[in-house]
Protein backbone atom coordinates (compact mmCIF):
# COMPACT_ATOMS: atom_id res chain seq x y z
CA MET A 1 62.85 -45.88 -81.13
CA ASN A 2 65.93 -44.44 -82.76
CA ALA A 3 66.86 -40.75 -82.52
CA GLU A 4 64.94 -39.73 -85.66
CA ASP A 5 61.81 -41.58 -84.51
CA ARG A 6 61.97 -39.80 -81.15
CA LYS A 7 62.28 -36.41 -82.82
CA GLU A 8 59.40 -37.15 -85.17
CA LEU A 9 57.22 -38.29 -82.27
CA LEU A 10 57.88 -35.21 -80.15
CA MET A 11 57.28 -32.77 -83.00
CA SER A 12 54.08 -34.56 -83.99
CA VAL A 13 52.70 -34.33 -80.45
CA ILE A 14 53.73 -30.70 -79.98
CA ILE A 15 52.26 -29.51 -83.29
CA LYS A 16 49.02 -31.44 -82.78
CA SER A 17 48.61 -30.02 -79.26
CA LEU A 18 49.26 -26.48 -80.47
CA GLU A 19 46.48 -26.93 -83.01
CA THR A 20 44.11 -28.25 -80.34
CA MET A 21 44.90 -25.32 -78.05
CA SER A 22 44.62 -22.76 -80.85
CA PRO A 23 43.21 -19.29 -80.10
CA GLU A 24 40.17 -20.06 -82.27
CA ARG A 25 39.27 -23.14 -80.24
CA ALA A 26 39.90 -21.31 -76.97
CA VAL A 27 37.48 -18.54 -78.00
CA LYS A 28 34.92 -21.10 -79.17
CA ARG A 29 35.02 -22.80 -75.77
CA HIS A 30 34.27 -19.53 -73.96
CA LEU A 31 31.99 -17.54 -76.29
CA SER A 32 28.57 -18.28 -77.74
CA TYR A 33 25.56 -16.47 -79.10
CA ASP A 34 22.03 -17.87 -79.32
CA PRO A 35 20.07 -16.01 -82.03
CA VAL A 36 16.77 -17.49 -80.82
CA SER A 37 16.98 -16.05 -77.32
CA ASN A 38 19.35 -13.21 -78.30
CA THR A 39 21.65 -14.40 -75.52
CA LEU A 40 25.35 -13.60 -75.51
CA GLU A 41 27.37 -15.87 -73.22
CA VAL A 42 30.97 -14.99 -72.35
CA ALA A 43 32.81 -17.41 -70.07
CA GLY A 44 29.59 -18.36 -68.29
CA GLU A 45 28.26 -14.78 -68.02
CA LYS A 46 24.97 -14.41 -69.90
CA GLU A 47 23.51 -11.21 -71.31
CA VAL A 48 20.28 -10.91 -73.28
CA LEU A 49 20.83 -8.39 -76.05
CA GLU A 50 18.14 -5.88 -76.89
CA GLU A 51 16.54 -5.86 -80.32
CA GLY A 52 19.06 -4.49 -82.80
CA GLN A 53 21.81 -4.17 -80.20
CA LYS A 54 25.28 -4.97 -81.54
CA VAL A 55 28.54 -6.19 -80.04
CA TRP A 56 31.94 -4.53 -80.55
CA ILE A 57 35.40 -6.09 -80.61
CA ILE A 58 38.79 -4.68 -79.73
CA GLY A 59 41.99 -6.66 -79.31
CA VAL A 60 45.75 -6.67 -79.22
CA GLY A 61 48.40 -9.37 -79.29
CA LYS A 62 49.99 -12.08 -81.36
CA ALA A 63 46.75 -14.08 -81.32
CA ALA A 64 44.45 -11.08 -81.87
CA VAL A 65 43.60 -11.85 -85.51
CA ASN A 66 42.76 -15.49 -84.85
CA MET A 67 40.73 -14.65 -81.75
CA ALA A 68 38.84 -11.84 -83.47
CA GLY A 69 38.11 -13.96 -86.54
CA GLU A 70 36.50 -16.70 -84.45
CA ALA A 71 34.60 -14.21 -82.27
CA GLY A 72 33.25 -12.51 -85.39
CA ARG A 73 32.16 -15.85 -86.83
CA ILE A 74 30.29 -16.71 -83.62
CA LEU A 75 28.57 -13.31 -83.37
CA GLY A 76 27.59 -13.18 -87.03
CA GLY A 77 25.22 -10.31 -87.68
CA ARG A 78 25.38 -9.21 -84.05
CA LEU A 79 28.88 -7.86 -84.59
CA GLU A 80 28.90 -4.13 -85.32
CA GLU A 81 32.61 -3.36 -85.77
CA GLY A 82 36.01 -4.40 -84.49
CA MET A 83 39.60 -3.27 -84.43
CA VAL A 84 42.67 -5.22 -83.36
CA ILE A 85 46.43 -4.66 -83.35
CA ALA A 86 48.69 -7.56 -84.38
CA PRO A 87 52.28 -8.09 -85.56
CA GLU A 88 51.13 -8.94 -89.09
CA LYS A 89 48.07 -8.25 -91.20
CA PRO A 90 46.21 -11.34 -92.44
CA ASP A 91 46.07 -12.22 -96.13
CA SER A 92 42.28 -12.25 -96.09
CA LYS A 93 40.07 -9.53 -94.63
CA LEU A 94 38.01 -10.15 -91.52
CA LYS A 95 34.37 -9.14 -91.83
CA ARG A 96 33.77 -5.80 -90.07
CA ILE A 97 37.06 -6.12 -88.15
CA GLN A 98 39.98 -3.88 -89.05
CA VAL A 99 43.49 -5.18 -88.41
CA LEU A 100 46.21 -2.66 -87.60
CA LYS A 101 49.89 -3.53 -87.56
CA GLY A 102 52.22 -2.94 -84.65
CA SER A 103 55.85 -3.74 -84.02
CA HIS A 104 57.09 -6.57 -81.79
CA PRO A 105 59.11 -7.06 -79.61
CA ILE A 106 60.27 -3.42 -79.80
CA PRO A 107 57.53 -0.77 -80.07
CA ASP A 108 57.96 1.84 -82.78
CA LYS A 109 55.98 4.53 -84.62
CA GLU A 110 53.77 1.86 -86.16
CA SER A 111 52.77 0.62 -82.70
CA LEU A 112 52.12 4.18 -81.59
CA SER A 113 49.95 5.14 -84.58
CA SER A 114 47.95 1.90 -84.35
CA THR A 115 47.41 2.46 -80.62
CA TYR A 116 46.18 5.98 -81.31
CA GLU A 117 43.73 4.64 -83.91
CA LEU A 118 42.43 2.02 -81.49
CA LEU A 119 41.86 4.64 -78.79
CA GLN A 120 39.98 6.83 -81.29
CA PHE A 121 37.93 3.79 -82.27
CA THR A 122 36.79 3.30 -78.66
CA LYS A 123 35.16 6.74 -78.78
CA SER A 124 32.79 5.50 -81.49
CA ILE A 125 31.45 2.70 -79.28
CA PRO A 126 27.98 3.63 -77.93
CA GLU A 127 27.20 4.03 -74.24
CA ASN A 128 26.52 0.75 -72.43
CA ALA A 129 27.49 -1.34 -75.47
CA PRO A 130 28.91 -4.86 -74.92
CA VAL A 131 32.58 -5.01 -75.91
CA LEU A 132 34.78 -8.08 -76.29
CA CYS A 133 38.39 -7.24 -75.47
CA LEU A 134 40.78 -9.90 -76.78
CA ILE A 135 44.23 -9.83 -75.19
CA SER A 136 47.21 -12.09 -75.84
CA GLY A 137 50.99 -12.03 -75.54
CA GLY A 138 52.93 -9.36 -77.35
CA ALA A 139 50.54 -6.60 -76.32
CA SER A 140 53.23 -4.81 -74.31
CA ALA A 141 54.95 -3.75 -77.55
CA LEU A 142 51.97 -3.71 -79.92
CA LEU A 143 49.85 -1.45 -77.69
CA SER A 144 52.21 1.40 -76.90
CA MET A 145 51.64 5.01 -75.97
CA PRO A 146 54.34 6.51 -73.74
CA VAL A 147 53.61 9.30 -71.29
CA ASP A 148 54.00 12.75 -72.82
CA GLN A 149 57.64 13.38 -71.90
CA ILE A 150 58.90 10.22 -73.64
CA GLU A 151 59.33 9.83 -77.40
CA ILE A 152 58.43 6.50 -79.04
CA GLY A 153 62.06 5.96 -80.07
CA GLU A 154 63.12 6.37 -76.44
CA LEU A 155 60.45 3.88 -75.39
CA GLY A 156 61.83 1.41 -77.94
CA SER A 157 65.33 1.86 -76.53
CA LEU A 158 64.00 1.16 -73.05
CA HIS A 159 62.27 -2.04 -74.20
CA GLN A 160 65.47 -3.27 -75.86
CA LEU A 161 67.51 -2.64 -72.72
CA LEU A 162 64.94 -4.50 -70.61
CA LEU A 163 64.87 -7.48 -72.98
CA ASP A 164 68.66 -7.80 -72.91
CA SER A 165 69.01 -7.22 -69.17
CA GLY A 166 68.08 -10.62 -67.76
CA MET A 167 64.98 -9.26 -65.98
CA ASP A 168 62.02 -11.62 -65.77
CA ILE A 169 58.71 -10.65 -67.36
CA HIS A 170 57.16 -9.32 -64.14
CA GLU A 171 60.17 -7.09 -63.49
CA MET A 172 60.16 -5.78 -67.05
CA ASN A 173 56.46 -5.00 -66.83
CA THR A 174 56.95 -3.06 -63.60
CA VAL A 175 59.16 -0.66 -65.55
CA ARG A 176 57.03 -0.66 -68.70
CA LYS A 177 53.89 0.29 -66.78
CA VAL A 178 55.25 3.48 -65.24
CA VAL A 179 56.11 5.02 -68.62
CA SER A 180 52.84 4.10 -70.40
CA LYS A 181 49.43 5.67 -70.78
CA VAL A 182 47.72 2.42 -71.76
CA LYS A 183 49.28 -0.22 -69.50
CA ALA A 184 48.35 -0.99 -65.85
CA GLY A 185 44.67 -0.44 -66.67
CA GLY A 186 45.25 2.63 -68.81
CA LEU A 187 43.10 1.26 -71.64
CA LEU A 188 40.15 1.05 -69.23
CA ARG A 189 39.93 4.84 -69.15
CA TYR A 190 38.78 4.73 -72.78
CA LEU A 191 36.18 2.04 -72.09
CA GLU A 192 34.42 3.26 -68.95
CA HIS A 193 31.20 3.78 -70.91
CA THR A 194 31.00 0.11 -71.98
CA ARG A 195 30.15 -3.34 -70.66
CA LEU A 196 33.53 -4.95 -71.06
CA TYR A 197 34.35 -8.66 -71.37
CA ASP A 198 38.06 -9.57 -71.44
CA LEU A 199 39.05 -12.89 -73.04
CA VAL A 200 42.74 -13.38 -72.31
CA ILE A 201 45.38 -15.84 -73.48
CA SER A 202 48.20 -16.00 -70.94
CA ASP A 203 51.86 -15.98 -71.92
CA VAL A 204 53.35 -15.25 -68.49
CA PRO A 205 54.36 -17.39 -65.51
CA GLY A 206 51.65 -17.35 -62.86
CA ASP A 207 48.93 -16.30 -65.34
CA LYS A 208 48.51 -12.92 -63.64
CA LEU A 209 46.15 -10.66 -65.57
CA GLY A 210 48.22 -7.60 -64.70
CA SER A 211 51.29 -9.11 -66.36
CA ILE A 212 49.71 -10.30 -69.61
CA GLY A 213 50.43 -7.53 -72.10
CA SER A 214 51.33 -5.35 -69.09
CA GLY A 215 47.67 -5.42 -68.03
CA PRO A 216 45.96 -2.84 -70.29
CA THR A 217 42.57 -3.58 -68.69
CA THR A 218 43.81 -4.54 -65.21
CA TYR A 219 44.15 -1.48 -63.02
CA GLU A 220 47.25 -1.19 -60.86
CA GLU A 221 48.94 1.76 -59.19
CA LYS A 222 52.23 2.50 -60.88
CA GLN A 223 55.24 1.39 -58.84
CA TYR A 224 57.79 4.13 -59.53
CA GLU A 225 60.04 3.26 -56.60
CA ASN A 226 60.16 -0.41 -57.62
CA ALA A 227 60.92 0.55 -61.21
CA PHE A 228 63.80 2.73 -60.03
CA GLN A 229 65.23 -0.03 -57.83
CA LEU A 230 65.04 -2.56 -60.66
CA LEU A 231 66.86 -0.28 -63.10
CA LYS A 232 69.55 0.33 -60.48
CA ARG A 233 69.90 -3.36 -59.62
CA PHE A 234 70.35 -4.35 -63.26
CA ASP A 235 72.77 -1.45 -63.92
CA LEU A 236 70.38 0.22 -66.36
CA TRP A 237 69.57 3.49 -64.61
CA ASN A 238 72.32 5.43 -66.37
CA GLN A 239 71.63 3.69 -69.68
CA VAL A 240 67.92 4.40 -70.08
CA PRO A 241 66.91 7.64 -71.84
CA HIS A 242 66.97 10.79 -69.72
CA SER A 243 63.22 11.26 -70.23
CA VAL A 244 62.55 7.86 -68.64
CA ARG A 245 64.64 8.76 -65.59
CA THR A 246 62.75 12.06 -65.32
CA VAL A 247 59.33 10.38 -65.41
CA ILE A 248 60.31 7.84 -62.76
CA ALA A 249 61.92 10.45 -60.50
CA ARG A 250 58.84 12.70 -60.68
CA GLY A 251 56.60 9.72 -60.01
CA MET A 252 58.53 8.93 -56.85
CA TYR A 253 58.71 12.48 -55.49
CA GLU A 254 55.60 14.10 -56.98
CA PRO A 255 53.01 11.30 -56.93
CA LYS A 256 49.63 12.01 -58.53
CA GLU A 257 46.49 10.40 -57.18
CA GLU A 258 44.46 8.73 -59.92
CA SER A 259 40.99 7.26 -59.59
CA GLU A 260 40.50 3.68 -60.69
CA PRO A 261 38.68 3.38 -64.03
CA GLU A 262 35.28 1.74 -63.69
CA PRO A 263 33.48 0.46 -66.80
CA VAL A 264 29.71 -0.05 -66.60
CA TYR A 265 30.48 -3.77 -66.28
CA HIS A 266 33.80 -5.57 -66.42
CA SER A 267 34.84 -9.22 -66.31
CA SER A 268 38.11 -10.92 -67.21
CA VAL A 269 38.85 -14.58 -67.82
CA ILE A 270 41.95 -16.46 -68.97
CA ILE A 271 40.85 -18.81 -71.74
CA SER A 272 44.15 -20.50 -72.53
CA SER A 273 47.60 -20.86 -70.99
CA ALA A 274 50.87 -22.75 -71.28
CA GLY A 275 49.93 -24.92 -68.30
CA LYS A 276 46.87 -26.17 -70.13
CA LEU A 277 48.94 -26.83 -73.25
CA ALA A 278 51.52 -28.76 -71.22
CA GLU A 279 48.80 -30.93 -69.69
CA HIS A 280 47.39 -31.67 -73.13
CA ILE A 281 50.83 -32.74 -74.40
CA ALA A 282 51.28 -35.04 -71.40
CA GLU A 283 47.88 -36.64 -72.05
CA ASN A 284 48.81 -37.18 -75.69
CA LEU A 285 52.09 -38.84 -74.74
CA ASN A 286 50.41 -41.00 -72.12
CA GLY A 287 48.07 -42.19 -74.86
CA ARG A 288 51.14 -43.43 -76.73
CA ASP A 289 52.33 -45.54 -73.77
CA ILE A 290 54.86 -42.96 -72.68
CA GLU A 291 54.79 -42.06 -68.99
CA ALA A 292 54.60 -38.28 -69.04
CA GLU A 293 54.65 -35.73 -66.25
CA VAL A 294 54.13 -31.97 -66.32
CA ILE A 295 56.53 -30.02 -64.12
CA HIS A 296 54.45 -27.37 -62.34
CA PRO A 297 54.47 -24.44 -61.80
CA ALA A 298 55.76 -22.42 -64.73
CA TYR A 299 59.44 -21.61 -64.39
CA ASN A 300 60.50 -17.97 -64.30
CA ASP A 301 64.27 -17.82 -63.97
CA SER A 302 67.55 -17.18 -65.74
CA ILE A 303 68.27 -19.47 -68.68
CA GLU A 304 71.27 -20.92 -66.83
CA ASN A 305 69.07 -21.96 -63.90
CA VAL A 306 66.34 -23.31 -66.17
CA ALA A 307 68.85 -25.49 -68.05
CA LYS A 308 70.23 -26.79 -64.74
CA MET A 309 66.72 -27.54 -63.47
CA ILE A 310 65.89 -29.53 -66.61
CA VAL A 311 69.10 -31.57 -66.50
CA ASP A 312 68.65 -32.23 -62.76
CA LYS A 313 65.13 -33.51 -63.45
CA LEU A 314 66.54 -35.72 -66.20
CA GLN A 315 69.07 -37.27 -63.82
CA SER A 316 66.49 -37.95 -61.10
CA HIS A 317 64.10 -39.56 -63.56
CA ARG A 318 66.97 -41.56 -65.03
CA GLU A 319 67.56 -43.04 -61.58
CA ILE A 320 63.88 -43.88 -61.25
CA GLN A 321 63.93 -45.52 -64.67
CA LEU A 322 66.93 -47.67 -63.80
CA SER A 323 65.34 -48.66 -60.52
CA THR A 324 62.09 -49.57 -62.26
CA ASN A 325 63.95 -51.81 -64.69
CA GLY A 326 65.94 -53.36 -61.87
CA ASP A 327 69.28 -53.33 -63.66
CA SER A 328 71.60 -50.32 -63.81
CA GLN A 329 73.36 -51.93 -66.77
CA GLY A 330 70.17 -52.96 -68.54
CA ASP A 331 69.70 -52.72 -72.27
CA SER A 332 68.13 -49.33 -73.05
CA LYS A 333 65.95 -51.06 -75.65
CA GLN A 334 64.10 -52.76 -72.82
CA MET A 335 63.56 -49.57 -70.85
CA SER A 336 60.21 -47.81 -70.73
CA TYR A 337 59.93 -44.31 -72.15
CA ARG A 338 59.42 -41.33 -69.85
CA ALA A 339 58.71 -37.73 -70.73
CA LEU A 340 58.87 -34.49 -68.79
CA VAL A 341 57.00 -31.40 -69.96
CA PHE A 342 58.16 -27.94 -68.88
CA TYR A 343 56.73 -24.49 -69.54
CA GLY A 344 57.58 -20.93 -68.57
CA GLU A 345 59.74 -18.01 -69.52
CA SER A 346 63.49 -17.75 -69.06
CA SER A 347 65.55 -14.58 -69.06
CA VAL A 348 68.79 -14.14 -70.99
CA ASN A 349 71.50 -11.64 -70.17
CA VAL A 350 72.74 -10.90 -73.69
CA THR A 351 76.48 -10.13 -73.74
CA GLY A 352 77.42 -11.41 -77.21
CA ASP A 353 76.53 -10.07 -80.65
CA GLY A 354 75.26 -13.33 -82.15
CA LYS A 355 71.82 -14.28 -83.37
CA GLY A 356 69.40 -16.45 -81.46
CA GLY A 357 66.48 -16.77 -79.09
CA ARG A 358 66.00 -18.16 -75.62
CA ASN A 359 64.59 -21.50 -76.86
CA GLN A 360 67.52 -22.12 -79.19
CA GLU A 361 69.97 -21.14 -76.45
CA LEU A 362 68.23 -23.38 -73.92
CA ALA A 363 68.34 -26.32 -76.35
CA LEU A 364 72.07 -25.73 -76.91
CA ARG A 365 72.76 -25.55 -73.18
CA VAL A 366 70.90 -28.80 -72.55
CA ALA A 367 72.58 -30.50 -75.54
CA ILE A 368 76.01 -29.73 -74.10
CA GLN A 369 75.07 -31.31 -70.79
CA ILE A 370 73.44 -34.48 -72.17
CA ASN A 371 76.19 -35.21 -74.70
CA GLY A 372 76.88 -38.94 -74.91
CA GLU A 373 74.37 -39.83 -72.21
CA ILE A 374 71.46 -42.26 -72.42
CA PRO A 375 69.03 -41.95 -75.35
CA VAL A 376 67.32 -38.62 -74.73
CA THR A 377 65.59 -36.09 -76.97
CA PHE A 378 64.87 -32.51 -75.94
CA ALA A 379 62.71 -29.96 -77.75
CA SER A 380 62.39 -26.29 -76.80
CA ILE A 381 59.93 -24.13 -78.68
CA GLY A 382 58.29 -20.73 -78.57
CA THR A 383 54.59 -21.51 -78.90
CA ASP A 384 54.07 -18.49 -81.16
CA GLY A 385 56.48 -20.01 -83.68
CA ILE A 386 58.99 -17.19 -83.22
CA ASP A 387 62.11 -17.40 -81.08
CA GLY A 388 63.84 -14.05 -80.76
CA PRO A 389 64.53 -12.05 -83.96
CA THR A 390 64.81 -15.24 -86.06
CA ASP A 391 62.74 -17.41 -88.39
CA ALA A 392 63.03 -20.38 -85.99
CA ALA A 393 60.59 -21.37 -83.25
CA GLY A 394 63.29 -23.21 -81.30
CA ALA A 395 65.41 -26.31 -81.61
CA ILE A 396 65.39 -30.05 -80.96
CA VAL A 397 68.48 -31.98 -79.83
CA ASP A 398 69.53 -35.45 -78.72
CA GLU A 399 72.48 -37.11 -77.00
CA THR A 400 74.48 -37.19 -80.25
CA MET A 401 74.10 -33.52 -81.22
CA ILE A 402 77.31 -32.20 -79.69
CA SER A 403 79.58 -35.04 -80.84
CA LYS A 404 78.27 -34.60 -84.39
CA ALA A 405 78.83 -30.83 -84.17
CA ILE A 406 82.43 -31.37 -83.08
CA GLU A 407 82.93 -33.63 -86.09
CA LEU A 408 81.86 -30.63 -88.18
CA GLU A 409 84.56 -28.61 -86.39
CA LEU A 410 82.01 -26.51 -84.51
CA GLU A 411 82.70 -25.32 -80.98
CA PRO A 412 79.34 -25.27 -79.11
CA GLU A 413 80.67 -23.29 -76.14
CA SER A 414 81.88 -20.50 -78.42
CA PHE A 415 78.44 -20.13 -79.99
CA LEU A 416 76.89 -20.11 -76.52
CA LYS A 417 79.27 -17.46 -75.23
CA ASN A 418 78.40 -15.20 -78.17
CA ASN A 419 74.63 -15.75 -77.79
CA ASP A 420 74.77 -17.21 -81.30
CA SER A 421 72.62 -20.31 -80.94
CA TYR A 422 70.87 -19.68 -84.27
CA SER A 423 74.14 -19.95 -86.18
CA PHE A 424 75.02 -23.14 -84.32
CA PHE A 425 71.80 -24.93 -85.28
CA ASP A 426 71.96 -23.48 -88.78
CA LYS A 427 75.25 -25.32 -89.23
CA ALA A 428 74.65 -28.41 -87.06
CA GLY A 429 70.94 -28.93 -87.80
CA GLY A 430 68.14 -29.10 -85.27
CA HIS A 431 66.14 -25.97 -85.96
CA ILE A 432 62.37 -26.10 -85.43
CA LYS A 433 60.67 -23.87 -87.99
CA THR A 434 56.90 -23.77 -87.82
CA GLY A 435 56.27 -20.21 -88.97
CA PRO A 436 53.89 -18.06 -86.91
CA THR A 437 51.37 -20.34 -85.16
CA GLY A 438 48.83 -17.67 -84.20
CA ASN A 439 49.29 -18.83 -80.61
CA ASN A 440 51.31 -17.41 -77.76
CA LEU A 441 51.54 -19.44 -74.55
CA MET A 442 55.06 -18.85 -73.23
CA ASP A 443 57.82 -21.33 -74.02
CA LEU A 444 57.46 -25.09 -73.94
CA GLN A 445 59.98 -27.90 -73.50
CA VAL A 446 59.55 -31.66 -73.77
CA LEU A 447 62.22 -34.09 -72.62
CA LEU A 448 61.86 -37.71 -73.80
CA VAL A 449 64.03 -40.28 -72.01
CA GLY A 450 64.65 -43.85 -73.09
């Protein structure tokens, strides 16, 4: 295969797998309703509904609309009402499900007002009613209600500082939780009168329920001391708003005991994740006579370390490939194709004023290191179709990318230093633009060698 064929193959496999692992299909695999026996089944848990009893839906996240639409279709007339918060409102209306808009990745007044409406909506749900709670990535910003001392603009400033700091997702969430009324199980306090079923799509390394959307329905004691230490370690303590420092200081020195919220019934299940997507991509590639391997577990590291890890894996597999072919000088056309599939979330310490996202930056970093090497194609993509504050999902590169860029009088290292990967690919080519996919399963990379 030439370079263009390799790119076409990888993009075809990635897009097809994203469709197969769509939120709609994930919900369909875990939710059913039998109108004959009046049986609702959620992730293996069965409940026989009483005559005339209805089901309610709430949700928040990038996949909330898609998840709610499929759940409503399955429930049919058994659905009473629903309300979800998403980054965008759909073109068509969902039957009996209201969609509110929130801001992502930085919470703002829109996120706050939508959160308030959702909390008011929970008060209309009858006692002991079954509720489907649909959670996916992006909920940390979309579902936002700061504690009383903090204004929403100050919360937005905090989120921006955290995103630019280089903290990993678990560290960021430790801080986010201590300044929120609805994270760390806070939403549960509005649902204690219900029978609650959480269907969750994971977008975090480790698939921990408490980290997905900052765990709105997963109770956890707030870790004020840890939040303080993190802000100090990343040199943010003196940069965050004064109100945030006040809340954390009071939490450390004047702790309040809170009882754990207890709904009438509560179950949580992860219905889709990046690990499952990666396995599906590997199976698809294997079906095309390409030896594919998924690199487990999900990475959770700085973008510099992730790029190094990927290139190191490339070199080790290159040695295996040469050994398998028995000739270190062999014709690459005779070599078998190998693929490595990675998934996870990298952190970027933003020091420049350029435009980009972590997938585009990762692709640029890898491109620089594979320049002029063996035939290799590398794709890095945000599974939600959005990479940072850009219209790109990521980028795809090969061993010729950097040499071609230099011919165009571009200096890749300069773009990298300025965190301006978007501008680099805009000029050199290589952008992946899918538009919003309705999915959100962390970041995904596929490396095709040979």
